[in-house]
Amino acid sequence: MAELKEGAKAPEISLLDDAGNPFKLSSLKGQNVVLYFYPKADTPGCTKEACEFRDRLPSIKKQGAVVVGASPDPVKAVAKFKQKFQLDFPLLADENHNAAEAYGVWKEKTMYGKTHMGVERTTFIIGKDGKVAKIFPRVKVDGHAEAVLDALNGL
């Protein structure tokens, strides 16, 4: 899949959410969407990122946006993660990494000298028109939610 660029139509996502219900990205058309991909539920970086989005959610909502997280974890894992940290936004189970591949974030990674495939932490802001308004590649967690909020202020 070619790399997704700002201004391109956001690929449709059709996955199960943390409650096991079908979720379609197109159901949010007409709203700004903060779609963030994270590698694994309940790990230190992913927890910090999710909690930053949780804590900034009222400000994000004031900008007319919604937050949606996606990881390759199964429904049970994202449900547990959501409950444990009281995350007030949908988490999607991308077990077959179809959404991660469509968004170009399923990448080869190296850890401890071993190579494996996984999610490269990336956030997309999708505008009300369904097009990618902003991409945050290779996200560093600290202060990321604030940077997303700043970007939403500019939409």
N, C-alpha and C. Protein backbone atom coordinates (compact mmCIF):
# COMPACT_ATOMS: atom_id res chain seq x y z
N MET A 1 0.86 -1.19 0.00
CA MET A 1 0.00 0.00 0.00
C MET A 1 0.89 1.24 0.00
N ALA A 2 0.56 2.16 -0.88
CA ALA A 2 1.31 3.43 -0.94
C ALA A 2 1.05 4.21 0.35
N GLU A 3 2.02 5.02 0.71
CA GLU A 3 1.89 5.79 1.94
C GLU A 3 0.75 6.80 1.81
N LEU A 4 -0.05 6.90 2.84
CA LEU A 4 -1.18 7.82 2.89
C LEU A 4 -0.66 9.24 3.05
N LYS A 5 -1.24 10.16 2.31
CA LYS A 5 -0.81 11.56 2.36
C LYS A 5 -1.94 12.46 2.87
N GLU A 6 -1.55 13.59 3.44
CA GLU A 6 -2.55 14.58 3.86
C GLU A 6 -3.31 15.04 2.62
N GLY A 7 -4.62 15.17 2.77
CA GLY A 7 -5.48 15.55 1.65
C GLY A 7 -6.12 14.37 0.96
N ALA A 8 -5.62 13.16 1.21
CA ALA A 8 -6.19 11.95 0.60
C ALA A 8 -7.46 11.54 1.34
N LYS A 9 -8.32 10.81 0.65
CA LYS A 9 -9.52 10.27 1.30
C LYS A 9 -9.07 9.23 2.32
N ALA A 10 -9.61 9.32 3.53
CA ALA A 10 -9.27 8.37 4.58
C ALA A 10 -9.85 7.00 4.23
N PRO A 11 -9.04 5.95 4.27
CA PRO A 11 -9.57 4.60 4.01
C PRO A 11 -10.65 4.23 5.02
N GLU A 12 -11.65 3.52 4.54
CA GLU A 12 -12.72 3.05 5.43
C GLU A 12 -12.15 2.03 6.40
N ILE A 13 -12.66 2.05 7.60
CA ILE A 13 -12.32 1.06 8.62
C ILE A 13 -13.61 0.37 9.02
N SER A 14 -13.56 -0.94 9.05
CA SER A 14 -14.70 -1.73 9.49
C SER A 14 -14.15 -2.80 10.44
N LEU A 15 -14.26 -2.53 11.75
CA LEU A 15 -13.69 -3.40 12.77
C LEU A 15 -14.68 -3.58 13.92
N LEU A 16 -14.33 -4.43 14.86
CA LEU A 16 -15.12 -4.54 16.09
C LEU A 16 -14.55 -3.57 17.12
N ASP A 17 -15.46 -2.94 17.87
CA ASP A 17 -15.00 -2.04 18.93
C ASP A 17 -14.80 -2.83 20.22
N ASP A 18 -14.47 -2.10 21.28
CA ASP A 18 -14.15 -2.73 22.57
C ASP A 18 -15.33 -3.48 23.18
N ALA A 19 -16.55 -3.24 22.71
CA ALA A 19 -17.72 -3.98 23.21
C ALA A 19 -18.10 -5.12 22.27
N GLY A 20 -17.29 -5.32 21.21
CA GLY A 20 -17.57 -6.38 20.25
C GLY A 20 -18.59 -5.98 19.20
N ASN A 21 -18.93 -4.68 19.14
CA ASN A 21 -19.90 -4.19 18.16
C ASN A 21 -19.19 -3.74 16.88
N PRO A 22 -19.86 -3.90 15.73
CA PRO A 22 -19.26 -3.44 14.48
C PRO A 22 -19.09 -1.92 14.50
N PHE A 23 -17.96 -1.46 14.00
CA PHE A 23 -17.66 -0.03 13.92
C PHE A 23 -17.22 0.27 12.49
N LYS A 24 -17.77 1.36 11.93
CA LYS A 24 -17.34 1.83 10.62
C LYS A 24 -16.90 3.28 10.77
N LEU A 25 -15.74 3.59 10.26
CA LEU A 25 -15.24 4.97 10.30
C LEU A 25 -16.22 5.92 9.61
N SER A 26 -16.83 5.47 8.53
CA SER A 26 -17.76 6.33 7.78
C SER A 26 -18.95 6.77 8.64
N SER A 27 -19.22 6.07 9.74
CA SER A 27 -20.33 6.47 10.62
C SER A 27 -20.03 7.81 11.31
N LEU A 28 -18.78 8.25 11.26
CA LEU A 28 -18.38 9.51 11.91
C LEU A 28 -18.23 10.65 10.90
N LYS A 29 -18.62 10.41 9.65
CA LYS A 29 -18.52 11.47 8.63
C LYS A 29 -19.28 12.70 9.11
N GLY A 30 -18.70 13.86 8.87
CA GLY A 30 -19.31 15.10 9.35
C GLY A 30 -18.70 15.56 10.66
N GLN A 31 -17.81 14.74 11.22
CA GLN A 31 -17.09 15.11 12.45
C GLN A 31 -15.60 15.01 12.17
N ASN A 32 -14.81 15.80 12.89
CA ASN A 32 -13.37 15.61 12.85
C ASN A 32 -13.06 14.39 13.71
N VAL A 33 -12.18 13.53 13.21
CA VAL A 33 -11.84 12.30 13.91
C VAL A 33 -10.34 12.25 14.17
N VAL A 34 -9.98 11.99 15.42
CA VAL A 34 -8.59 11.73 15.78
C VAL A 34 -8.48 10.21 15.85
N LEU A 35 -7.85 9.64 14.83
CA LEU A 35 -7.68 8.19 14.74
C LEU A 35 -6.22 7.89 15.07
N TYR A 36 -6.02 7.21 16.20
CA TYR A 36 -4.63 6.89 16.54
C TYR A 36 -4.41 5.40 16.61
N PHE A 37 -3.29 4.98 16.03
CA PHE A 37 -2.88 3.59 16.03
C PHE A 37 -1.80 3.41 17.09
N TYR A 38 -1.97 2.41 17.94
CA TYR A 38 -0.99 2.14 18.99
C TYR A 38 -0.63 0.66 18.94
N PRO A 39 0.61 0.32 19.35
CA PRO A 39 1.08 -1.07 19.19
C PRO A 39 0.42 -2.13 20.06
N LYS A 40 0.21 -1.84 21.36
CA LYS A 40 -0.31 -2.90 22.24
C LYS A 40 -0.96 -2.32 23.48
N ALA A 41 -2.17 -2.78 23.76
CA ALA A 41 -2.91 -2.31 24.93
C ALA A 41 -2.17 -2.63 26.23
N ASP A 42 -2.29 -1.71 27.17
CA ASP A 42 -1.79 -1.89 28.53
C ASP A 42 -0.27 -2.08 28.61
N THR A 43 0.45 -1.42 27.71
CA THR A 43 1.90 -1.34 27.80
C THR A 43 2.22 0.11 28.17
N PRO A 44 3.40 0.39 28.70
CA PRO A 44 3.66 1.73 29.24
C PRO A 44 3.40 2.91 28.28
N GLY A 45 3.97 2.87 27.08
CA GLY A 45 3.79 3.97 26.14
C GLY A 45 2.34 4.11 25.68
N CYS A 46 1.72 2.99 25.39
CA CYS A 46 0.33 3.00 24.91
C CYS A 46 -0.62 3.47 26.01
N THR A 47 -0.34 3.09 27.24
CA THR A 47 -1.16 3.54 28.36
C THR A 47 -1.03 5.05 28.54
N LYS A 48 0.18 5.54 28.50
CA LYS A 48 0.40 6.98 28.66
C LYS A 48 -0.31 7.77 27.55
N GLU A 49 -0.18 7.28 26.31
CA GLU A 49 -0.83 7.95 25.18
C GLU A 49 -2.35 7.96 25.36
N ALA A 50 -2.92 6.82 25.69
CA ALA A 50 -4.38 6.71 25.86
C ALA A 50 -4.86 7.63 26.98
N CYS A 51 -4.12 7.66 28.09
CA CYS A 51 -4.52 8.50 29.22
C CYS A 51 -4.39 9.98 28.90
N GLU A 52 -3.40 10.35 28.09
CA GLU A 52 -3.31 11.76 27.65
C GLU A 52 -4.52 12.13 26.80
N PHE A 53 -4.92 11.24 25.88
CA PHE A 53 -6.12 11.51 25.09
C PHE A 53 -7.35 11.58 25.99
N ARG A 54 -7.45 10.67 26.96
CA ARG A 54 -8.57 10.69 27.91
C ARG A 54 -8.64 12.03 28.64
N ASP A 55 -7.49 12.48 29.13
CA ASP A 55 -7.45 13.72 29.91
C ASP A 55 -7.72 14.96 29.07
N ARG A 56 -7.42 14.90 27.78
CA ARG A 56 -7.64 16.03 26.87
C ARG A 56 -8.98 15.94 26.13
N LEU A 57 -9.71 14.86 26.38
CA LEU A 57 -10.95 14.62 25.64
C LEU A 57 -11.95 15.78 25.71
N PRO A 58 -12.19 16.40 26.87
CA PRO A 58 -13.14 17.52 26.88
C PRO A 58 -12.71 18.65 25.93
N SER A 59 -11.44 18.96 25.88
CA SER A 59 -10.94 20.00 24.97
C SER A 59 -11.04 19.56 23.52
N ILE A 60 -10.77 18.29 23.26
CA ILE A 60 -10.87 17.76 21.90
C ILE A 60 -12.32 17.82 21.44
N LYS A 61 -13.24 17.44 22.33
CA LYS A 61 -14.68 17.51 21.98
C LYS A 61 -15.13 18.94 21.71
N LYS A 62 -14.56 19.90 22.46
CA LYS A 62 -14.90 21.32 22.22
C LYS A 62 -14.49 21.75 20.82
N GLN A 63 -13.50 21.08 20.25
CA GLN A 63 -13.07 21.37 18.88
C GLN A 63 -13.93 20.59 17.86
N GLY A 64 -14.96 19.93 18.34
CA GLY A 64 -15.86 19.19 17.45
C GLY A 64 -15.26 17.90 16.93
N ALA A 65 -14.35 17.31 17.71
CA ALA A 65 -13.69 16.09 17.26
C ALA A 65 -13.97 14.93 18.21
N VAL A 66 -13.81 13.73 17.68
CA VAL A 66 -13.92 12.51 18.46
C VAL A 66 -12.59 11.76 18.37
N VAL A 67 -12.29 10.95 19.37
CA VAL A 67 -11.06 10.16 19.41
C VAL A 67 -11.42 8.69 19.24
N VAL A 68 -10.64 7.99 18.41
CA VAL A 68 -10.79 6.56 18.21
C VAL A 68 -9.38 5.96 18.20
N GLY A 69 -9.17 4.92 19.01
CA GLY A 69 -7.88 4.23 19.03
C GLY A 69 -8.00 2.87 18.37
N ALA A 70 -6.91 2.40 17.75
CA ALA A 70 -6.90 1.09 17.10
C ALA A 70 -5.58 0.39 17.36
N SER A 71 -5.65 -0.90 17.68
CA SER A 71 -4.45 -1.71 17.88
C SER A 71 -4.73 -3.12 17.38
N PRO A 72 -3.66 -3.91 17.21
CA PRO A 72 -3.87 -5.29 16.75
C PRO A 72 -4.33 -6.25 17.85
N ASP A 73 -4.71 -5.72 19.00
CA ASP A 73 -5.17 -6.55 20.11
C ASP A 73 -6.58 -7.10 19.84
N PRO A 74 -6.92 -8.24 20.45
CA PRO A 74 -8.30 -8.76 20.34
C PRO A 74 -9.28 -7.90 21.16
N VAL A 75 -10.57 -8.06 20.89
CA VAL A 75 -11.62 -7.30 21.56
C VAL A 75 -11.47 -7.37 23.08
N LYS A 76 -11.25 -8.56 23.61
CA LYS A 76 -11.14 -8.74 25.06
C LYS A 76 -10.03 -7.86 25.66
N ALA A 77 -8.90 -7.76 24.97
CA ALA A 77 -7.77 -6.97 25.48
C ALA A 77 -8.06 -5.48 25.43
N VAL A 78 -8.69 -5.00 24.34
CA VAL A 78 -8.99 -3.56 24.28
C VAL A 78 -10.09 -3.19 25.26
N ALA A 79 -11.03 -4.12 25.49
CA ALA A 79 -12.10 -3.88 26.48
C ALA A 79 -11.51 -3.74 27.88
N LYS A 80 -10.60 -4.63 28.23
CA LYS A 80 -9.96 -4.61 29.54
C LYS A 80 -9.14 -3.32 29.71
N PHE A 81 -8.41 -2.95 28.68
CA PHE A 81 -7.59 -1.73 28.68
C PHE A 81 -8.48 -0.50 28.87
N LYS A 82 -9.58 -0.46 28.13
CA LYS A 82 -10.51 0.68 28.22
C LYS A 82 -11.06 0.81 29.64
N GLN A 83 -11.49 -0.31 30.22
CA GLN A 83 -12.08 -0.28 31.54
C GLN A 83 -11.03 0.07 32.60
N LYS A 84 -9.87 -0.53 32.51
CA LYS A 84 -8.82 -0.32 33.51
C LYS A 84 -8.43 1.15 33.64
N PHE A 85 -8.39 1.86 32.49
CA PHE A 85 -7.96 3.26 32.52
C PHE A 85 -9.11 4.24 32.26
N GLN A 86 -10.34 3.75 32.32
CA GLN A 86 -11.54 4.59 32.15
C GLN A 86 -11.43 5.48 30.92
N LEU A 87 -11.16 4.84 29.79
CA LEU A 87 -11.03 5.55 28.52
C LEU A 87 -12.43 5.77 27.95
N ASP A 88 -12.76 7.01 27.70
CA ASP A 88 -14.11 7.37 27.28
C ASP A 88 -14.21 7.59 25.77
N PHE A 89 -13.59 6.70 25.02
CA PHE A 89 -13.66 6.75 23.56
C PHE A 89 -13.49 5.33 23.04
N PRO A 90 -13.95 5.07 21.82
CA PRO A 90 -13.88 3.70 21.30
C PRO A 90 -12.44 3.24 21.03
N LEU A 91 -12.20 1.98 21.36
CA LEU A 91 -10.95 1.32 20.98
C LEU A 91 -11.34 0.20 20.02
N LEU A 92 -10.60 0.08 18.94
CA LEU A 92 -10.92 -0.89 17.90
C LEU A 92 -9.92 -2.03 17.91
N ALA A 93 -10.43 -3.24 17.68
CA ALA A 93 -9.60 -4.44 17.62
C ALA A 93 -9.26 -4.73 16.16
N ASP A 94 -8.04 -4.43 15.79
CA ASP A 94 -7.56 -4.61 14.41
C ASP A 94 -6.69 -5.86 14.34
N GLU A 95 -7.27 -7.00 14.78
CA GLU A 95 -6.50 -8.24 14.92
C GLU A 95 -5.82 -8.69 13.63
N ASN A 96 -6.44 -8.48 12.50
CA ASN A 96 -5.85 -8.89 11.23
C ASN A 96 -5.03 -7.77 10.60
N HIS A 97 -4.86 -6.69 11.35
CA HIS A 97 -4.15 -5.48 10.96
C HIS A 97 -4.54 -4.92 9.59
N ASN A 98 -5.81 -5.11 9.20
CA ASN A 98 -6.29 -4.57 7.93
C ASN A 98 -6.29 -3.05 7.94
N ALA A 99 -6.76 -2.46 9.04
CA ALA A 99 -6.79 -0.99 9.13
C ALA A 99 -5.37 -0.44 9.17
N ALA A 100 -4.50 -1.06 9.97
CA ALA A 100 -3.11 -0.59 10.05
C ALA A 100 -2.44 -0.65 8.68
N GLU A 101 -2.72 -1.69 7.93
CA GLU A 101 -2.15 -1.79 6.58
C GLU A 101 -2.73 -0.72 5.66
N ALA A 102 -4.04 -0.50 5.73
CA ALA A 102 -4.68 0.50 4.87
C ALA A 102 -4.13 1.91 5.15
N TYR A 103 -3.76 2.15 6.40
CA TYR A 103 -3.22 3.47 6.78
C TYR A 103 -1.69 3.52 6.71
N GLY A 104 -1.07 2.42 6.29
CA GLY A 104 0.38 2.41 6.10
C GLY A 104 1.19 2.40 7.38
N VAL A 105 0.60 1.92 8.48
CA VAL A 105 1.32 1.93 9.75
C VAL A 105 1.72 0.53 10.22
N TRP A 106 1.43 -0.50 9.42
CA TRP A 106 1.87 -1.86 9.74
C TRP A 106 3.25 -2.01 9.13
N LYS A 107 4.28 -1.98 9.98
CA LYS A 107 5.65 -1.88 9.49
C LYS A 107 6.55 -2.93 10.12
N GLU A 108 7.69 -3.11 9.47
CA GLU A 108 8.72 -3.97 10.03
C GLU A 108 9.41 -3.20 11.15
N LYS A 109 9.53 -3.81 12.29
CA LYS A 109 10.15 -3.18 13.45
C LYS A 109 11.24 -4.09 13.98
N THR A 110 12.20 -3.49 14.66
CA THR A 110 13.28 -4.26 15.25
C THR A 110 13.33 -3.99 16.75
N MET A 111 13.35 -5.07 17.54
CA MET A 111 13.47 -4.93 18.98
C MET A 111 14.40 -6.03 19.48
N TYR A 112 15.39 -5.63 20.24
CA TYR A 112 16.37 -6.56 20.79
C TYR A 112 17.01 -7.41 19.68
N GLY A 113 17.26 -6.77 18.55
CA GLY A 113 17.92 -7.44 17.44
C GLY A 113 17.04 -8.36 16.61
N LYS A 114 15.77 -8.47 16.99
CA LYS A 114 14.85 -9.32 16.23
C LYS A 114 13.88 -8.44 15.43
N THR A 115 13.59 -8.89 14.23
CA THR A 115 12.68 -8.15 13.36
C THR A 115 11.30 -8.79 13.41
N HIS A 116 10.28 -7.95 13.49
CA HIS A 116 8.89 -8.43 13.47
C HIS A 116 8.01 -7.34 12.86
N MET A 117 6.79 -7.71 12.53
CA MET A 117 5.82 -6.74 12.00
C MET A 117 4.98 -6.21 13.16
N GLY A 118 4.67 -4.93 13.10
CA GLY A 118 3.85 -4.34 14.15
C GLY A 118 3.40 -2.94 13.76
N VAL A 119 2.62 -2.33 14.63
CA VAL A 119 2.09 -1.00 14.40
C VAL A 119 3.14 0.05 14.74
N GLU A 120 3.36 0.97 13.81
CA GLU A 120 4.18 2.14 14.09
C GLU A 120 3.22 3.20 14.63
N ARG A 121 3.44 3.63 15.86
CA ARG A 121 2.55 4.58 16.54
C ARG A 121 2.35 5.82 15.67
N THR A 122 1.13 6.02 15.20
CA THR A 122 0.81 7.10 14.27
C THR A 122 -0.59 7.61 14.56
N THR A 123 -0.79 8.92 14.40
CA THR A 123 -2.11 9.52 14.58
C THR A 123 -2.51 10.25 13.30
N PHE A 124 -3.78 10.10 12.95
CA PHE A 124 -4.36 10.78 11.79
C PHE A 124 -5.51 11.65 12.27
N ILE A 125 -5.56 12.89 11.80
CA ILE A 125 -6.76 13.70 11.99
C ILE A 125 -7.49 13.66 10.66
N ILE A 126 -8.73 13.20 10.73
CA ILE A 126 -9.57 13.09 9.54
C ILE A 126 -10.62 14.18 9.65
N GLY A 127 -10.70 15.00 8.62
CA GLY A 127 -11.63 16.12 8.62
C GLY A 127 -13.07 15.69 8.42
N LYS A 128 -13.97 16.64 8.59
CA LYS A 128 -15.40 16.38 8.43
C LYS A 128 -15.74 15.85 7.04
N ASP A 129 -14.89 16.17 6.07
CA ASP A 129 -15.10 15.75 4.68
C ASP A 129 -14.59 14.34 4.41
N GLY A 130 -14.04 13.67 5.44
CA GLY A 130 -13.54 12.32 5.26
C GLY A 130 -12.14 12.25 4.69
N LYS A 131 -11.46 13.38 4.61
CA LYS A 131 -10.09 13.40 4.08
C LYS A 131 -9.09 13.56 5.23
N VAL A 132 -7.90 13.03 5.03
CA VAL A 132 -6.84 13.13 6.02
C VAL A 132 -6.35 14.58 6.07
N ALA A 133 -6.57 15.21 7.22
CA ALA A 133 -6.18 16.61 7.39
C ALA A 133 -4.75 16.75 7.92
N LYS A 134 -4.34 15.79 8.77
CA LYS A 134 -3.01 15.87 9.39
C LYS A 134 -2.56 14.48 9.78
N ILE A 135 -1.25 14.23 9.59
CA ILE A 135 -0.66 12.95 9.98
C ILE A 135 0.48 13.23 10.95
N PHE A 136 0.48 12.49 12.04
CA PHE A 136 1.58 12.54 13.03
C PHE A 136 2.29 11.18 12.95
N PRO A 137 3.37 11.08 12.17
CA PRO A 137 4.07 9.79 12.06
C PRO A 137 5.01 9.56 13.23
N ARG A 138 5.29 8.27 13.51
CA ARG A 138 6.26 7.89 14.54
C ARG A 138 6.13 8.74 15.80
N VAL A 139 4.95 8.72 16.36
CA VAL A 139 4.60 9.57 17.51
C VAL A 139 5.49 9.30 18.72
N LYS A 140 5.92 10.38 19.33
CA LYS A 140 6.53 10.35 20.66
C LYS A 140 5.40 10.71 21.61
N VAL A 141 5.16 9.89 22.61
CA VAL A 141 3.97 10.00 23.44
C VAL A 141 3.88 11.31 24.24
N ASP A 142 4.97 11.72 24.88
CA ASP A 142 4.92 12.91 25.73
C ASP A 142 4.46 14.14 24.97
N GLY A 143 3.34 14.72 25.41
CA GLY A 143 2.82 15.94 24.81
C GLY A 143 2.09 15.74 23.50
N HIS A 144 1.91 14.49 23.08
CA HIS A 144 1.28 14.24 21.78
C HIS A 144 -0.18 14.71 21.74
N ALA A 145 -0.95 14.41 22.78
CA ALA A 145 -2.36 14.81 22.79
C ALA A 145 -2.48 16.33 22.68
N GLU A 146 -1.56 17.05 23.30
CA GLU A 146 -1.57 18.52 23.22
C GLU A 146 -1.28 18.98 21.78
N ALA A 147 -0.35 18.32 21.11
CA ALA A 147 -0.03 18.66 19.71
C ALA A 147 -1.24 18.39 18.81
N VAL A 148 -1.96 17.31 19.08
CA VAL A 148 -3.17 17.00 18.31
C VAL A 148 -4.21 18.10 18.54
N LEU A 149 -4.37 18.51 19.77
CA LEU A 149 -5.32 19.57 20.12
C LEU A 149 -4.96 20.87 19.39
N ASP A 150 -3.68 21.21 19.36
CA ASP A 150 -3.22 22.40 18.62
C ASP A 150 -3.58 22.29 17.14
N ALA A 151 -3.38 21.11 16.56
CA ALA A 151 -3.71 20.90 15.15
C ALA A 151 -5.21 21.04 14.90
N LEU A 152 -6.02 20.53 15.84
CA LEU A 152 -7.48 20.66 15.70
C LEU A 152 -7.90 22.13 15.75
N ASN A 153 -7.20 22.94 16.54
CA ASN A 153 -7.52 24.36 16.62
C ASN A 153 -7.34 25.03 15.26
N GLY A 154 -6.46 24.48 14.44
CA GLY A 154 -6.20 25.06 13.13
C GLY A 154 -7.13 24.58 12.03
N LEU A 155 -8.03 23.65 12.34
CA LEU A 155 -8.95 23.14 11.29
C LEU A 155 -10.15 24.04 11.11
